[in-house]
Amino acid sequence: MPRKNRVILVFGSPGAGKTTVITKSIGNNTAYRIINIGTLMKDIAIRKGYVKNRDDVRYLPIKIATGLRKAAIDHIGRMHGNIVIDTHASVERGDRYFPGMPLEVLKGLGGLAGIIYVDAETDDIIKRRKSDKNRKREIESARTIDMQRLINIAMISNISAHLNISIYIIENDGGMLQSAEKDFKAALKDIINEYK
């Protein structure tokens, strides 16, 4: 019997509120399985003795990080059902940007049904990063964050064009979480219905 899974990629800059929107929108809905790529990569990296916490994963050598990402995607590829992948479109290292989800990795995943990009105003992203005590967040200039947002859209557009899947953009500006949740749920429903 063929595997019937739908994979929805959810991207967003650190501080855009991506994980919050996913969690609030899906909650305990067992129709979806939420997988955070960073957490999965961290778990693999800790088992291999590369890091002690999640935020150190992004500072690993590219070759190791690429291997961890591939292992995480291979793990997801064995799953069934509606899978929501919480991840980043790009990873910044100094003045360089790398794809968070390279095409060659995604092509082997199968079941890709859509992309959701959770975005927020640059000022909101800065405020959220400053107030996040649970993660090691860089405090960057508005100009740098604007560049990150542009790079993310470029990366996502490339994935969409090559894999022929739709992009939904959810605005998660300050004080508008309920609106973002509503839009996210509508995007999920549309992606699942379109894939039938």
C-alpha atoms as a PDB file:
ATOM      1  CA  MET A   1       0.000   0.000   0.000  1.00  0.00           C
ATOM      2  CA  PRO A   2       1.544   3.366  -0.989  1.00  0.00           C
ATOM      3  CA  ARG A   3       2.381   5.863   1.695  1.00  0.00           C
ATOM      4  CA  LYS A   4      -0.194   8.658   1.898  1.00  0.00           C
ATOM      5  CA  ASN A   5       1.510  11.527   3.599  1.00  0.00           C
ATOM      6  CA  ARG A   6       1.324  15.262   3.128  1.00  0.00           C
ATOM      7  CA  VAL A   7       4.306  17.362   4.123  1.00  0.00           C
ATOM      8  CA  ILE A   8       3.816  21.058   4.771  1.00  0.00           C
ATOM      9  CA  LEU A   9       6.961  23.158   5.113  1.00  0.00           C
ATOM     10  CA  VAL A  10       6.613  26.097   7.509  1.00  0.00           C
ATOM     11  CA  PHE A  11       9.351  28.711   7.290  1.00  0.00           C
ATOM     12  CA  GLY A  12       9.954  31.952   9.163  1.00  0.00           C
ATOM     13  CA  SER A  13      12.770  34.145  10.438  1.00  0.00           C
ATOM     14  CA  PRO A  14      13.817  33.658  14.057  1.00  0.00           C
ATOM     15  CA  GLY A  15      11.467  35.905  16.014  1.00  0.00           C
ATOM     16  CA  ALA A  16       8.665  35.933  13.436  1.00  0.00           C
ATOM     17  CA  GLY A  17       6.617  33.714  15.749  1.00  0.00           C
ATOM     18  CA  LYS A  18       6.543  30.683  13.452  1.00  0.00           C
ATOM     19  CA  THR A  19       6.615  28.045  16.192  1.00  0.00           C
ATOM     20  CA  THR A  20       4.042  29.938  18.262  1.00  0.00           C
ATOM     21  CA  VAL A  21       1.658  30.198  15.296  1.00  0.00           C
ATOM     22  CA  ILE A  22       2.081  26.491  14.503  1.00  0.00           C
ATOM     23  CA  THR A  23       1.527  25.431  18.117  1.00  0.00           C
ATOM     24  CA  LYS A  24      -1.473  27.701  18.699  1.00  0.00           C
ATOM     25  CA  SER A  25      -3.065  26.748  15.355  1.00  0.00           C
ATOM     26  CA  ILE A  26      -2.638  22.993  15.610  1.00  0.00           C
ATOM     27  CA  GLY A  27      -2.614  22.513  19.381  1.00  0.00           C
ATOM     28  CA  ASN A  28      -3.556  18.924  20.230  1.00  0.00           C
ATOM     29  CA  ASN A  29      -5.042  18.200  16.796  1.00  0.00           C
ATOM     30  CA  THR A  30      -3.891  14.641  16.162  1.00  0.00           C
ATOM     31  CA  ALA A  31      -4.505  15.010  12.422  1.00  0.00           C
ATOM     32  CA  TYR A  32      -1.095  16.703  12.217  1.00  0.00           C
ATOM     33  CA  ARG A  33       2.354  15.801  13.412  1.00  0.00           C
ATOM     34  CA  ILE A  34       4.634  18.787  14.078  1.00  0.00           C
ATOM     35  CA  ILE A  35       8.341  18.189  13.542  1.00  0.00           C
ATOM     36  CA  ASN A  36      10.877  20.892  14.359  1.00  0.00           C
ATOM     37  CA  ILE A  37      13.955  20.302  12.177  1.00  0.00           C
ATOM     38  CA  GLY A  38      16.255  22.203  14.565  1.00  0.00           C
ATOM     39  CA  THR A  39      15.164  20.074  17.514  1.00  0.00           C
ATOM     40  CA  LEU A  40      15.500  16.856  15.510  1.00  0.00           C
ATOM     41  CA  MET A  41      18.979  17.876  14.314  1.00  0.00           C
ATOM     42  CA  LYS A  42      19.918  18.791  17.903  1.00  0.00           C
ATOM     43  CA  ASP A  43      18.804  15.385  19.194  1.00  0.00           C
ATOM     44  CA  ILE A  44      20.919  13.622  16.569  1.00  0.00           C
ATOM     45  CA  ALA A  45      23.888  15.954  17.213  1.00  0.00           C
ATOM     46  CA  ILE A  46      23.741  15.353  20.984  1.00  0.00           C
ATOM     47  CA  ARG A  47      23.669  11.583  20.454  1.00  0.00           C
ATOM     48  CA  LYS A  48      26.764  11.933  18.260  1.00  0.00           C
ATOM     49  CA  GLY A  49      28.490  14.203  20.793  1.00  0.00           C
ATOM     50  CA  TYR A  50      28.667  17.274  18.505  1.00  0.00           C
ATOM     51  CA  VAL A  51      26.753  19.742  20.700  1.00  0.00           C
ATOM     52  CA  LYS A  52      25.117  20.206  24.084  1.00  0.00           C
ATOM     53  CA  ASN A  53      22.209  22.459  23.052  1.00  0.00           C
ATOM     54  CA  ARG A  54      20.119  23.379  20.013  1.00  0.00           C
ATOM     55  CA  ASP A  55      21.558  26.830  19.358  1.00  0.00           C
ATOM     56  CA  ASP A  56      25.053  25.363  18.907  1.00  0.00           C
ATOM     57  CA  VAL A  57      23.903  23.315  15.897  1.00  0.00           C
ATOM     58  CA  ARG A  58      24.030  26.339  13.602  1.00  0.00           C
ATOM     59  CA  TYR A  59      27.734  26.827  14.413  1.00  0.00           C
ATOM     60  CA  LEU A  60      28.758  23.297  13.421  1.00  0.00           C
ATOM     61  CA  PRO A  61      30.886  22.891  10.281  1.00  0.00           C
ATOM     62  CA  ILE A  62      28.725  22.891   7.134  1.00  0.00           C
ATOM     63  CA  LYS A  63      29.555  19.280   6.312  1.00  0.00           C
ATOM     64  CA  ILE A  64      28.359  18.077   9.735  1.00  0.00           C
ATOM     65  CA  ALA A  65      25.243  20.295   9.677  1.00  0.00           C
ATOM     66  CA  THR A  66      24.399  19.000   6.190  1.00  0.00           C
ATOM     67  CA  GLY A  67      24.683  15.412   7.409  1.00  0.00           C
ATOM     68  CA  LEU A  68      22.470  16.159  10.405  1.00  0.00           C
ATOM     69  CA  ARG A  69      19.837  17.799   8.181  1.00  0.00           C
ATOM     70  CA  LYS A  70      19.852  14.816   5.827  1.00  0.00           C
ATOM     71  CA  ALA A  71      19.473  12.411   8.769  1.00  0.00           C
ATOM     72  CA  ALA A  72      16.543  14.480  10.072  1.00  0.00           C
ATOM     73  CA  ILE A  73      14.839  14.515   6.651  1.00  0.00           C
ATOM     74  CA  ASP A  74      15.421  10.757   6.228  1.00  0.00           C
ATOM     75  CA  HIS A  75      13.736  10.246   9.619  1.00  0.00           C
ATOM     76  CA  ILE A  76      10.752  12.375   8.537  1.00  0.00           C
ATOM     77  CA  GLY A  77      10.585  10.512   5.226  1.00  0.00           C
ATOM     78  CA  ARG A  78       9.690   7.337   7.120  1.00  0.00           C
ATOM     79  CA  MET A  79       6.712   8.990   8.819  1.00  0.00           C
ATOM     80  CA  HIS A  80       3.076   8.825   7.722  1.00  0.00           C
ATOM     81  CA  GLY A  81       0.194  11.266   7.812  1.00  0.00           C
ATOM     82  CA  ASN A  82       0.042  15.055   7.727  1.00  0.00           C
ATOM     83  CA  ILE A  83       3.466  16.301   8.724  1.00  0.00           C
ATOM     84  CA  VAL A  84       4.122  19.963   9.496  1.00  0.00           C
ATOM     85  CA  ILE A  85       7.843  20.750   9.342  1.00  0.00           C
ATOM     86  CA  ASP A  86       8.899  23.759  11.426  1.00  0.00           C
ATOM     87  CA  THR A  87      12.170  25.032   9.922  1.00  0.00           C
ATOM     88  CA  HIS A  88      14.138  27.927   8.458  1.00  0.00           C
ATOM     89  CA  ALA A  89      14.504  28.882   4.797  1.00  0.00           C
ATOM     90  CA  SER A  90      18.039  30.144   5.352  1.00  0.00           C
ATOM     91  CA  VAL A  91      20.805  29.896   7.900  1.00  0.00           C
ATOM     92  CA  GLU A  92      23.058  32.909   8.370  1.00  0.00           C
ATOM     93  CA  ARG A  93      26.713  32.556   9.263  1.00  0.00           C
ATOM     94  CA  GLY A  94      28.445  35.894   9.381  1.00  0.00           C
ATOM     95  CA  ASP A  95      27.957  37.482   5.979  1.00  0.00           C
ATOM     96  CA  ARG A  96      26.966  34.204   4.320  1.00  0.00           C
ATOM     97  CA  TYR A  97      23.576  32.559   3.907  1.00  0.00           C
ATOM     98  CA  PHE A  98      22.995  28.864   3.344  1.00  0.00           C
ATOM     99  CA  PRO A  99      19.751  27.147   2.390  1.00  0.00           C
ATOM    100  CA  GLY A 100      17.961  25.813   5.443  1.00  0.00           C
ATOM    101  CA  MET A 101      16.322  23.129   3.300  1.00  0.00           C
ATOM    102  CA  PRO A 102      18.355  22.447   0.134  1.00  0.00           C
ATOM    103  CA  LEU A 103      16.434  21.245  -2.914  1.00  0.00           C
ATOM    104  CA  GLU A 104      18.331  17.969  -3.186  1.00  0.00           C
ATOM    105  CA  VAL A 105      17.255  17.118   0.366  1.00  0.00           C
ATOM    106  CA  LEU A 106      13.616  18.094  -0.214  1.00  0.00           C
ATOM    107  CA  LYS A 107      13.361  16.212  -3.511  1.00  0.00           C
ATOM    108  CA  GLY A 108      13.882  12.937  -1.668  1.00  0.00           C
ATOM    109  CA  LEU A 109      11.272  13.689   0.980  1.00  0.00           C
ATOM    110  CA  GLY A 110       8.118  12.952  -1.001  1.00  0.00           C
ATOM    111  CA  GLY A 111       4.595  14.078  -0.207  1.00  0.00           C
ATOM    112  CA  LEU A 112       5.416  17.798  -0.312  1.00  0.00           C
ATOM    113  CA  ALA A 113       2.093  19.581  -0.507  1.00  0.00           C
ATOM    114  CA  GLY A 114       2.724  23.260   0.309  1.00  0.00           C
ATOM    115  CA  ILE A 115       4.787  25.985   1.927  1.00  0.00           C
ATOM    116  CA  ILE A 116       3.662  28.390   4.627  1.00  0.00           C
ATOM    117  CA  TYR A 117       5.850  31.398   5.391  1.00  0.00           C
ATOM    118  CA  VAL A 118       5.195  33.099   8.723  1.00  0.00           C
ATOM    119  CA  ASP A 119       6.426  36.681   8.594  1.00  0.00           C
ATOM    120  CA  ALA A 120       6.317  39.705  10.895  1.00  0.00           C
ATOM    121  CA  GLU A 121       7.333  43.334  10.789  1.00  0.00           C
ATOM    122  CA  THR A 122      11.048  43.846  11.425  1.00  0.00           C
ATOM    123  CA  ASP A 123      10.390  45.826  14.639  1.00  0.00           C
ATOM    124  CA  ASP A 124       8.272  42.944  15.986  1.00  0.00           C
ATOM    125  CA  ILE A 125      11.038  40.451  15.175  1.00  0.00           C
ATOM    126  CA  ILE A 126      13.589  42.586  17.034  1.00  0.00           C
ATOM    127  CA  LYS A 127      11.320  42.845  20.111  1.00  0.00           C
ATOM    128  CA  ARG A 128      10.634  39.099  20.157  1.00  0.00           C
ATOM    129  CA  ARG A 129      14.314  38.220  19.851  1.00  0.00           C
ATOM    130  CA  LYS A 130      15.200  40.545  22.711  1.00  0.00           C
ATOM    131  CA  SER A 131      12.492  39.099  24.966  1.00  0.00           C
ATOM    132  CA  ASP A 132      13.194  35.397  24.212  1.00  0.00           C
ATOM    133  CA  LYS A 133      14.985  34.057  27.295  1.00  0.00           C
ATOM    134  CA  ASN A 134      14.750  30.408  26.213  1.00  0.00           C
ATOM    135  CA  ARG A 135      16.995  30.654  23.152  1.00  0.00           C
ATOM    136  CA  LYS A 136      20.352  32.183  22.268  1.00  0.00           C
ATOM    137  CA  ARG A 137      19.142  34.829  19.800  1.00  0.00           C
ATOM    138  CA  GLU A 138      21.331  37.325  17.984  1.00  0.00           C
ATOM    139  CA  ILE A 139      20.232  40.923  18.371  1.00  0.00           C
ATOM    140  CA  GLU A 140      20.706  42.338  14.896  1.00  0.00           C
ATOM    141  CA  SER A 141      19.989  45.616  13.159  1.00  0.00           C
ATOM    142  CA  ALA A 142      16.746  46.281  11.324  1.00  0.00           C
ATOM    143  CA  ARG A 143      18.704  46.358   8.064  1.00  0.00           C
ATOM    144  CA  THR A 144      20.157  42.879   8.703  1.00  0.00           C
ATOM    145  CA  ILE A 145      16.727  41.464   9.555  1.00  0.00           C
ATOM    146  CA  ASP A 146      15.237  43.048   6.413  1.00  0.00           C
ATOM    147  CA  MET A 147      17.975  41.293   4.402  1.00  0.00           C
ATOM    148  CA  GLN A 148      17.233  37.988   6.146  1.00  0.00           C
ATOM    149  CA  ARG A 149      13.545  38.325   5.243  1.00  0.00           C
ATOM    150  CA  LEU A 150      14.425  39.011   1.585  1.00  0.00           C
ATOM    151  CA  ILE A 151      16.801  36.032   1.473  1.00  0.00           C
ATOM    152  CA  ASN A 152      14.092  33.818   2.989  1.00  0.00           C
ATOM    153  CA  ILE A 153      11.547  34.807   0.329  1.00  0.00           C
ATOM    154  CA  ALA A 154      14.132  34.147  -2.388  1.00  0.00           C
ATOM    155  CA  MET A 155      14.921  30.683  -0.957  1.00  0.00           C
ATOM    156  CA  ILE A 156      11.244  29.800  -0.567  1.00  0.00           C
ATOM    157  CA  SER A 157      10.410  31.007  -4.077  1.00  0.00           C
ATOM    158  CA  ASN A 158      13.158  28.781  -5.449  1.00  0.00           C
ATOM    159  CA  ILE A 159      11.761  25.738  -3.626  1.00  0.00           C
ATOM    160  CA  SER A 160       8.228  26.540  -4.809  1.00  0.00           C
ATOM    161  CA  ALA A 161       9.280  26.957  -8.447  1.00  0.00           C
ATOM    162  CA  HIS A 162      11.390  23.799  -8.581  1.00  0.00           C
ATOM    163  CA  LEU A 163       8.950  21.553  -6.724  1.00  0.00           C
ATOM    164  CA  ASN A 164       5.749  23.128  -8.086  1.00  0.00           C
ATOM    165  CA  ILE A 165       4.126  23.722  -4.706  1.00  0.00           C
ATOM    166  CA  SER A 166       2.193  26.760  -3.472  1.00  0.00           C
ATOM    167  CA  ILE A 167       3.376  29.382  -0.991  1.00  0.00           C
ATOM    168  CA  TYR A 168       1.061  30.874   1.636  1.00  0.00           C
ATOM    169  CA  ILE A 169       2.247  33.963   3.513  1.00  0.00           C
ATOM    170  CA  ILE A 170       0.930  34.491   7.053  1.00  0.00           C
ATOM    171  CA  GLU A 171       1.440  37.884   8.693  1.00  0.00           C
ATOM    172  CA  ASN A 172       2.112  37.581  12.438  1.00  0.00           C
ATOM    173  CA  ASP A 173       2.488  41.200  13.436  1.00  0.00           C
ATOM    174  CA  GLY A 174       2.405  42.261  17.087  1.00  0.00           C
ATOM    175  CA  GLY A 175      -0.978  41.800  18.732  1.00  0.00           C
ATOM    176  CA  MET A 176      -2.394  39.900  15.727  1.00  0.00           C
ATOM    177  CA  LEU A 177      -1.725  36.292  16.807  1.00  0.00           C
ATOM    178  CA  GLN A 178      -5.404  35.267  16.538  1.00  0.00           C
ATOM    179  CA  SER A 179      -5.536  36.552  12.966  1.00  0.00           C
ATOM    180  CA  ALA A 180      -2.309  34.682  12.152  1.00  0.00           C
ATOM    181  CA  GLU A 181      -3.771  31.489  13.669  1.00  0.00           C
ATOM    182  CA  LYS A 182      -6.926  31.830  11.588  1.00  0.00           C
ATOM    183  CA  ASP A 183      -4.925  32.390   8.387  1.00  0.00           C
ATOM    184  CA  PHE A 184      -2.613  29.485   9.215  1.00  0.00           C
ATOM    185  CA  LYS A 185      -5.533  27.101   9.754  1.00  0.00           C
ATOM    186  CA  ALA A 186      -7.093  28.227   6.462  1.00  0.00           C
ATOM    187  CA  ALA A 187      -3.788  27.648   4.631  1.00  0.00           C
ATOM    188  CA  LEU A 188      -3.420  24.161   6.135  1.00  0.00           C
ATOM    189  CA  LYS A 189      -6.975  23.246   5.142  1.00  0.00           C
ATOM    190  CA  ASP A 190      -6.421  24.524   1.607  1.00  0.00           C
ATOM    191  CA  ILE A 191      -3.158  22.603   1.228  1.00  0.00           C
ATOM    192  CA  ILE A 192      -4.690  19.349   2.481  1.00  0.00           C
ATOM    193  CA  ASN A 193      -7.779  19.738   0.253  1.00  0.00           C
ATOM    194  CA  GLU A 194      -5.698  20.584  -2.799  1.00  0.00           C
ATOM    195  CA  TYR A 195      -3.556  17.496  -2.275  1.00  0.00           C
ATOM    196  CA  LYS A 196      -6.530  15.069  -2.267  1.00  0.00           C
END
